[in-house]
Amino acid sequence: MKHRYFRSILKVLICIMVLVMALYACRKRYIEPIQKIPVDNDSGAEQIDASSIVGKIKNFKNRMSIAHGLASKSEDFISIDSVVWNIEALFNASYTFPDLLYDKIVTQELVFSVPVNNNVVSMSDVALLYDQIINDVRTAYSNDGIVQNKSLKNVFFEKGDVENNRLEIIALVSSGKSKPEDPGNLNVYYIGPFGEDDCWYFGEYGGSCDDPSEWGDAAEWIEYWINYYYGWSPAAVDGYRNIYFSQSMIHLLGNEYVKYNGEYYIYYWINNLQYLYLSGSLLNYYFQNEVDVIMELVPNDPKYIDQLPQNPKFMEVDIQGNSSVVSGGTLRRHENFILYGKKIAIPVLDLGLPVDLLQ
């Protein structure tokens, strides 16, 4: 009887173990394909985007080439919105090196204009405009004050107003001193890039705590380290190159985001003389706050959804330490001009490599 009893128990245990193993195997087979679906879909979407962008860039370049060869005005026209997008995409794909690590960045503003008729522009005029842009950017890039290891990082084009049947286009030319090495891990975020002895005036007039005539200010040094660590991204894999398009500039006055303790994320004070000079710990504090704003708060803010491309990539920031008189007294703040873009890897065989304008 005991043997029969134990055999029965053993059979039950074996059945349970078989059932558990079967359920586990079924669960494993069920989960795996679901986990893979988003990855495959995203990859396909990126490939479609890459093919589409390359097609648009090549088509625009071909239309300008045809317009160049015509003796009279071309009958081919393009909308004013498309003019800016296409010029920016083609120019940066042809002449800029955004994935290099830059130790120093110089930004210069150029202004162009092109004839407009009923919100469209003749492709022959666009071709002439593009030639002028190449020449003027080359001149600005050549005279940026950097002698060695210089590269053209990016040119951001922004549509201006239409006056007297001419469209104004503003171009921000960013060039800099490139460095070959990797900036390293971003563990610096948790402590910050500034040392205990660092101390800088908040902005505007510049200077350190010890020497008011010394170049730089807190805003510029925070900007420098953010661009150095976060404006750089690894190059694409072999056979591909990264391009940036659909760029957008977000302008922050400094009081857009408030922390739980009531303080603003960005340096923003009225009649507070205590923080005119920022010590090393305060510099690290505002560095970390700026990173949070740039990398997390702005990209996820519903207010900017229509202005930013999908999955925006941070490119660079210009932080200006300014003061002004307001009703409550003197306002001192760090204004932010944050540039984002859409980044995508393109096969080199499809588009070729960028060319240095000075070569």
Protein backbone atom coordinates (compact mmCIF):
# COMPACT_ATOMS: atom_id res chain seq x y z
CA MET A 1 0.00 0.00 0.00
CA LYS A 2 2.80 2.38 0.93
CA HIS A 3 4.60 1.72 -2.36
CA ARG A 4 1.41 2.41 -4.32
CA TYR A 5 0.90 5.59 -2.32
CA PHE A 6 4.42 6.85 -2.99
CA ARG A 7 4.16 5.92 -6.66
CA SER A 8 0.95 7.92 -6.90
CA ILE A 9 2.58 10.89 -5.22
CA LEU A 10 5.56 10.60 -7.55
CA LYS A 11 3.32 10.52 -10.62
CA VAL A 12 1.51 13.65 -9.42
CA LEU A 13 4.82 15.45 -8.83
CA ILE A 14 6.12 14.48 -12.26
CA CYS A 15 2.90 15.72 -13.89
CA ILE A 16 3.20 19.03 -12.05
CA MET A 17 6.84 19.46 -13.10
CA VAL A 18 5.98 18.67 -16.73
CA LEU A 19 3.09 21.14 -16.63
CA VAL A 20 5.29 23.90 -15.12
CA MET A 21 8.02 23.34 -17.70
CA ALA A 22 5.48 23.41 -20.50
CA LEU A 23 3.98 26.65 -19.22
CA TYR A 24 7.45 28.21 -18.89
CA ALA A 25 8.38 27.13 -22.40
CA CYS A 26 5.14 28.54 -23.77
CA ARG A 27 5.64 31.79 -21.90
CA LYS A 28 9.20 32.11 -23.18
CA ARG A 29 8.14 31.51 -26.77
CA TYR A 30 5.33 34.07 -26.37
CA ILE A 31 7.42 36.90 -24.93
CA GLU A 32 10.44 36.79 -27.21
CA PRO A 33 8.81 37.86 -30.49
CA ILE A 34 6.94 40.72 -28.77
CA GLN A 35 10.20 42.10 -27.44
CA LYS A 36 11.74 42.03 -30.89
CA ILE A 37 8.91 43.73 -32.79
CA PRO A 38 9.60 47.36 -31.71
CA VAL A 39 13.30 47.04 -32.54
CA ASP A 40 12.61 45.71 -36.02
CA ASN A 41 9.96 48.33 -36.69
CA ASP A 42 12.18 51.17 -35.52
CA SER A 43 15.02 49.94 -37.70
CA GLY A 44 12.73 49.82 -40.70
CA ALA A 45 11.45 53.32 -39.99
CA GLU A 46 15.01 54.63 -39.78
CA GLN A 47 15.86 53.02 -43.11
CA ILE A 48 12.79 54.55 -44.72
CA ASP A 49 13.67 57.97 -43.27
CA ALA A 50 17.25 57.69 -44.50
CA SER A 51 16.15 56.78 -48.01
CA SER A 52 13.58 59.59 -48.03
CA ILE A 53 16.05 62.22 -46.79
CA VAL A 54 18.70 61.21 -49.30
CA GLY A 55 16.09 61.39 -52.05
CA LYS A 56 14.99 64.89 -51.01
CA ILE A 57 18.55 66.19 -50.80
CA LYS A 58 19.50 64.77 -54.20
CA ASN A 59 16.30 66.04 -55.81
CA PHE A 60 16.85 69.57 -54.48
CA LYS A 61 20.47 69.57 -55.65
CA ASN A 62 19.41 68.37 -59.09
CA ARG A 63 16.73 71.06 -59.39
CA MET A 64 19.30 73.75 -58.58
CA SER A 65 21.71 72.29 -61.11
CA ILE A 66 19.05 72.43 -63.83
CA ALA A 67 18.14 76.02 -62.86
CA HIS A 68 21.82 77.02 -63.02
CA GLY A 69 21.98 75.94 -66.65
CA LEU A 70 19.03 78.02 -67.81
CA ALA A 71 19.68 81.38 -69.43
CA SER A 72 16.40 82.86 -68.21
CA LYS A 73 14.37 82.52 -65.04
CA SER A 74 13.41 78.94 -64.31
CA GLU A 75 9.78 77.95 -64.37
CA ASP A 76 10.50 75.66 -61.43
CA PHE A 77 9.39 77.09 -58.09
CA ILE A 78 9.65 76.05 -54.44
CA SER A 79 7.73 77.20 -51.34
CA ILE A 80 9.49 79.50 -48.87
CA ASP A 81 9.29 76.87 -46.11
CA SER A 82 10.88 74.26 -48.34
CA VAL A 83 13.66 76.65 -49.35
CA VAL A 84 15.01 76.87 -45.80
CA TRP A 85 14.66 73.14 -45.04
CA ASN A 86 16.33 72.04 -48.27
CA ILE A 87 19.19 74.53 -48.11
CA GLU A 88 19.94 73.54 -44.52
CA ALA A 89 19.82 69.81 -45.24
CA LEU A 90 21.94 70.00 -48.40
CA PHE A 91 24.50 72.44 -47.01
CA ASN A 92 25.12 70.56 -43.76
CA ALA A 93 25.24 67.22 -45.52
CA SER A 94 27.83 68.65 -47.92
CA TYR A 95 30.12 70.80 -45.77
CA THR A 96 29.78 70.23 -42.01
CA PHE A 97 31.29 67.80 -39.49
CA PRO A 98 28.83 67.69 -36.56
CA ASP A 99 30.09 64.47 -34.97
CA LEU A 100 33.57 65.70 -34.14
CA LEU A 101 34.42 66.62 -30.56
CA TYR A 102 34.88 70.40 -30.32
CA ASP A 103 37.02 72.05 -27.67
CA LYS A 104 35.92 75.53 -28.72
CA ILE A 105 32.94 76.78 -30.73
CA VAL A 106 32.59 80.15 -32.46
CA THR A 107 29.14 81.21 -33.70
CA GLN A 108 28.66 83.92 -36.32
CA GLU A 109 25.41 85.26 -37.74
CA LEU A 110 24.86 85.88 -41.44
CA VAL A 111 21.78 87.31 -43.13
CA PHE A 112 20.61 86.51 -46.66
CA SER A 113 17.57 87.35 -48.75
CA VAL A 114 15.86 85.96 -51.83
CA PRO A 115 13.02 87.27 -54.05
CA VAL A 116 9.56 85.89 -53.25
CA ASN A 117 6.38 85.90 -55.32
CA ASN A 118 3.14 84.56 -53.80
CA ASN A 119 5.07 82.56 -51.15
CA VAL A 120 7.17 80.71 -53.69
CA VAL A 121 10.74 81.21 -54.89
CA SER A 122 12.18 80.57 -58.33
CA MET A 123 14.72 77.74 -58.33
CA SER A 124 17.09 79.94 -60.36
CA ASP A 125 17.05 82.47 -57.50
CA VAL A 126 17.53 79.64 -55.01
CA ALA A 127 20.59 78.47 -56.94
CA LEU A 128 22.09 81.97 -56.83
CA LEU A 129 21.28 82.20 -53.11
CA TYR A 130 22.96 78.86 -52.43
CA ASP A 131 26.15 80.02 -54.18
CA GLN A 132 26.16 83.17 -52.06
CA ILE A 133 25.66 81.11 -48.90
CA ILE A 134 28.65 78.92 -49.75
CA ASN A 135 30.87 81.95 -50.34
CA ASP A 136 29.77 83.89 -47.23
CA VAL A 137 29.94 80.87 -44.91
CA ARG A 138 33.40 80.08 -46.26
CA THR A 139 34.53 83.63 -45.45
CA ALA A 140 33.04 83.56 -41.94
CA TYR A 141 34.50 80.12 -41.27
CA SER A 142 37.92 81.24 -42.51
CA ASN A 143 37.88 84.28 -40.19
CA ASP A 144 36.61 82.62 -37.00
CA GLY A 145 39.94 83.17 -35.24
CA ILE A 146 40.79 79.48 -34.97
CA VAL A 147 44.08 78.48 -36.59
CA GLN A 148 44.67 74.78 -35.97
CA ASN A 149 42.38 71.74 -36.14
CA LYS A 150 39.41 73.82 -37.22
CA SER A 151 36.21 72.36 -38.64
CA LEU A 152 32.80 73.63 -39.63
CA LYS A 153 30.39 72.07 -37.15
CA ASN A 154 26.96 73.18 -38.33
CA VAL A 155 24.95 75.95 -39.96
CA PHE A 156 21.44 76.59 -38.66
CA PHE A 157 19.11 78.36 -41.10
CA GLU A 158 16.05 80.21 -39.85
CA LYS A 159 13.28 81.74 -41.92
CA GLY A 160 12.84 85.46 -41.29
CA ASP A 161 10.23 87.93 -42.43
CA VAL A 162 9.11 88.72 -45.96
CA GLU A 163 9.51 92.43 -46.71
CA ASN A 164 9.34 94.13 -50.08
CA ASN A 165 8.84 90.74 -51.72
CA ARG A 166 12.10 89.39 -50.31
CA LEU A 167 12.45 86.55 -47.81
CA GLU A 168 15.08 87.06 -45.12
CA ILE A 169 17.07 83.98 -44.06
CA ILE A 170 19.27 84.06 -40.95
CA ALA A 171 22.20 81.66 -40.76
CA LEU A 172 24.09 80.82 -37.55
CA VAL A 173 27.50 79.48 -38.52
CA SER A 174 29.15 77.29 -35.88
CA SER A 175 32.80 76.41 -36.36
CA GLY A 176 35.35 75.28 -33.86
CA LYS A 177 38.56 73.64 -32.81
CA SER A 178 38.10 69.91 -33.16
CA LYS A 179 39.72 67.29 -30.95
CA PRO A 180 40.30 63.68 -31.95
CA GLU A 181 39.80 62.09 -28.54
CA ASP A 182 36.65 60.77 -26.90
CA PRO A 183 35.35 63.04 -24.09
CA GLY A 184 35.01 59.99 -21.84
CA ASN A 185 32.21 58.86 -19.59
CA LEU A 186 29.60 61.35 -18.47
CA ASN A 187 30.06 60.46 -14.80
CA VAL A 188 31.08 64.10 -14.49
CA TYR A 189 27.35 64.88 -14.36
CA TYR A 190 27.04 63.56 -10.83
CA ILE A 191 29.69 65.90 -9.44
CA GLY A 192 30.07 68.45 -12.22
CA PRO A 193 33.08 69.64 -14.23
CA PHE A 194 33.99 72.52 -11.90
CA GLY A 195 36.52 72.39 -9.09
CA GLU A 196 36.40 73.90 -5.61
CA ASP A 197 38.57 76.85 -6.66
CA ASP A 198 36.41 77.84 -9.64
CA CYS A 199 34.47 81.05 -9.20
CA TRP A 200 32.97 83.19 -11.98
CA TYR A 201 30.76 86.25 -12.31
CA PHE A 202 27.24 85.22 -13.38
CA GLY A 203 27.61 86.75 -16.86
CA GLU A 204 27.40 89.88 -18.96
CA TYR A 205 30.61 91.66 -17.93
CA GLY A 206 32.62 88.50 -17.40
CA GLY A 207 35.50 87.89 -15.08
CA SER A 208 36.41 85.55 -12.26
CA CYS A 209 36.16 86.22 -8.54
CA ASP A 210 39.87 87.04 -8.38
CA ASP A 211 40.20 88.92 -11.67
CA PRO A 212 37.23 90.84 -13.15
CA SER A 213 39.20 91.40 -16.37
CA GLU A 214 39.72 87.69 -16.99
CA TRP A 215 37.93 86.33 -20.05
CA GLY A 216 34.73 84.35 -19.52
CA ASP A 217 31.81 84.19 -17.14
CA ALA A 218 29.66 81.56 -15.45
CA ALA A 219 27.20 81.37 -18.37
CA GLU A 220 29.95 80.82 -20.92
CA TRP A 221 31.74 78.16 -18.89
CA ILE A 222 28.54 76.23 -18.18
CA GLU A 223 27.78 76.44 -21.92
CA TYR A 224 31.27 75.21 -22.78
CA TRP A 225 31.06 72.06 -20.66
CA ILE A 226 27.51 71.19 -21.77
CA ASN A 227 28.50 71.45 -25.43
CA TYR A 228 31.70 69.52 -24.77
CA TYR A 229 30.04 66.55 -23.08
CA TYR A 230 26.55 66.52 -24.56
CA GLY A 231 26.91 68.21 -27.97
CA TRP A 232 29.23 65.44 -29.11
CA SER A 233 28.00 62.06 -30.30
CA PRO A 234 29.85 59.03 -31.63
CA ALA A 235 30.32 58.78 -35.37
CA ALA A 236 28.21 56.35 -37.33
CA VAL A 237 29.40 52.80 -37.95
CA ASP A 238 31.73 52.09 -40.86
CA GLY A 239 30.12 52.76 -44.21
CA TYR A 240 27.67 55.30 -42.75
CA ARG A 241 27.74 58.95 -41.76
CA ASN A 242 25.42 60.98 -39.57
CA ILE A 243 23.53 64.00 -40.88
CA TYR A 244 21.30 66.44 -39.01
CA PHE A 245 18.22 68.10 -40.48
CA SER A 246 14.88 69.69 -39.45
CA GLN A 247 16.79 71.79 -36.95
CA SER A 248 14.95 73.94 -34.42
CA MET A 249 16.12 76.62 -31.98
CA ILE A 250 14.36 76.85 -28.60
CA HIS A 251 14.75 80.17 -26.76
CA LEU A 252 14.38 80.08 -22.97
CA LEU A 253 14.28 83.23 -20.85
CA GLY A 254 15.18 81.31 -17.69
CA ASN A 255 11.93 81.21 -15.74
CA GLU A 256 10.17 78.44 -17.69
CA TYR A 257 10.92 75.58 -15.27
CA VAL A 258 10.61 75.63 -11.48
CA LYS A 259 11.95 73.06 -9.00
CA TYR A 260 9.98 71.64 -6.08
CA ASN A 261 11.67 74.13 -3.70
CA GLY A 262 10.50 77.10 -5.75
CA GLU A 263 13.86 77.85 -7.38
CA TYR A 264 14.23 78.06 -11.14
CA TYR A 265 16.25 75.37 -12.88
CA ILE A 266 18.09 78.02 -14.88
CA TYR A 267 19.95 80.88 -13.19
CA TYR A 268 17.26 83.53 -12.70
CA TRP A 269 17.39 86.01 -9.81
CA ILE A 270 15.93 89.43 -9.00
CA ASN A 271 17.90 91.66 -6.59
CA ASN A 272 19.89 88.73 -5.23
CA LEU A 273 23.49 89.88 -4.78
CA GLN A 274 24.43 86.65 -3.03
CA TYR A 275 24.73 84.79 -6.35
CA LEU A 276 26.52 87.40 -8.45
CA TYR A 277 29.61 85.21 -8.25
CA LEU A 278 29.11 81.46 -8.63
CA SER A 279 31.41 79.21 -6.66
CA GLY A 280 32.47 75.79 -7.90
CA SER A 281 29.54 74.08 -6.15
CA LEU A 282 27.03 76.58 -7.59
CA LEU A 283 28.54 76.22 -11.05
CA ASN A 284 28.10 72.45 -10.83
CA TYR A 285 24.55 72.94 -9.53
CA TYR A 286 23.52 75.08 -12.50
CA PHE A 287 25.43 72.84 -14.90
CA GLN A 288 23.35 69.87 -13.74
CA ASN A 289 20.13 71.90 -13.88
CA GLU A 290 20.88 73.04 -17.43
CA VAL A 291 21.53 69.45 -18.50
CA ASP A 292 18.15 68.43 -17.05
CA VAL A 293 16.42 71.26 -18.93
CA ILE A 294 18.17 70.59 -22.25
CA MET A 295 18.12 66.80 -22.26
CA GLU A 296 14.83 66.04 -20.47
CA LEU A 297 12.47 68.94 -19.78
CA VAL A 298 12.40 70.71 -23.15
CA PRO A 299 12.25 67.56 -25.36
CA ASN A 300 9.33 66.24 -23.28
CA ASP A 301 7.47 69.54 -22.91
CA PRO A 302 4.14 69.51 -24.84
CA LYS A 303 4.67 73.21 -25.54
CA TYR A 304 7.54 72.40 -27.91
CA ILE A 305 6.18 69.29 -29.62
CA ASP A 306 5.25 71.20 -32.78
CA GLN A 307 8.62 72.98 -32.90
CA LEU A 308 10.90 69.99 -32.42
CA PRO A 309 11.52 67.05 -34.76
CA GLN A 310 10.60 63.56 -33.63
CA ASN A 311 13.21 62.15 -31.22
CA PRO A 312 15.16 65.44 -31.18
CA LYS A 313 18.92 65.28 -30.78
CA PHE A 314 20.62 68.02 -28.78
CA MET A 315 23.26 69.74 -30.91
CA GLU A 316 24.52 72.77 -28.99
CA VAL A 317 23.47 75.58 -26.66
CA ASP A 318 24.32 79.26 -26.42
CA ILE A 319 23.92 80.53 -22.82
CA GLN A 320 23.98 84.29 -22.32
CA GLY A 321 24.26 85.91 -18.89
CA ASN A 322 22.21 89.10 -19.09
CA SER A 323 20.81 91.70 -16.70
CA SER A 324 17.87 94.05 -17.11
CA VAL A 325 15.75 96.42 -15.05
CA VAL A 326 12.27 95.09 -14.19
CA SER A 327 9.50 96.33 -11.95
CA GLY A 328 10.92 94.43 -8.97
CA GLY A 329 14.48 95.67 -9.44
CA THR A 330 17.40 94.14 -11.35
CA LEU A 331 16.87 90.81 -13.06
CA ARG A 332 19.94 88.66 -13.72
CA ARG A 333 19.46 85.50 -15.75
CA HIS A 334 20.96 82.97 -18.13
CA GLU A 335 19.10 83.03 -21.43
CA ASN A 336 19.27 79.78 -23.41
CA PHE A 337 19.30 79.31 -27.17
CA ILE A 338 19.12 75.52 -27.55
CA LEU A 339 19.57 73.88 -30.93
CA TYR A 340 18.02 70.48 -31.65
CA GLY A 341 17.89 68.44 -34.82
CA LYS A 342 16.90 65.12 -36.29
CA LYS A 343 19.89 62.80 -36.54
CA ILE A 344 20.07 59.90 -38.93
CA ALA A 345 22.77 57.59 -40.30
CA ILE A 346 23.15 57.65 -44.08
CA PRO A 347 25.17 55.18 -46.19
CA VAL A 348 28.27 56.97 -47.47
CA LEU A 349 27.73 55.43 -50.92
CA ASP A 350 24.33 57.14 -51.11
CA LEU A 351 25.45 60.67 -50.29
CA GLY A 352 29.26 60.83 -50.21
CA LEU A 353 31.41 62.42 -47.50
CA PRO A 354 31.34 66.09 -46.47
CA VAL A 355 34.00 68.43 -47.88
CA ASP A 356 35.88 71.09 -45.91
CA LEU A 357 35.02 74.49 -47.40
CA LEU A 358 38.61 75.67 -46.99
CA GLN A 359 40.11 72.87 -49.05
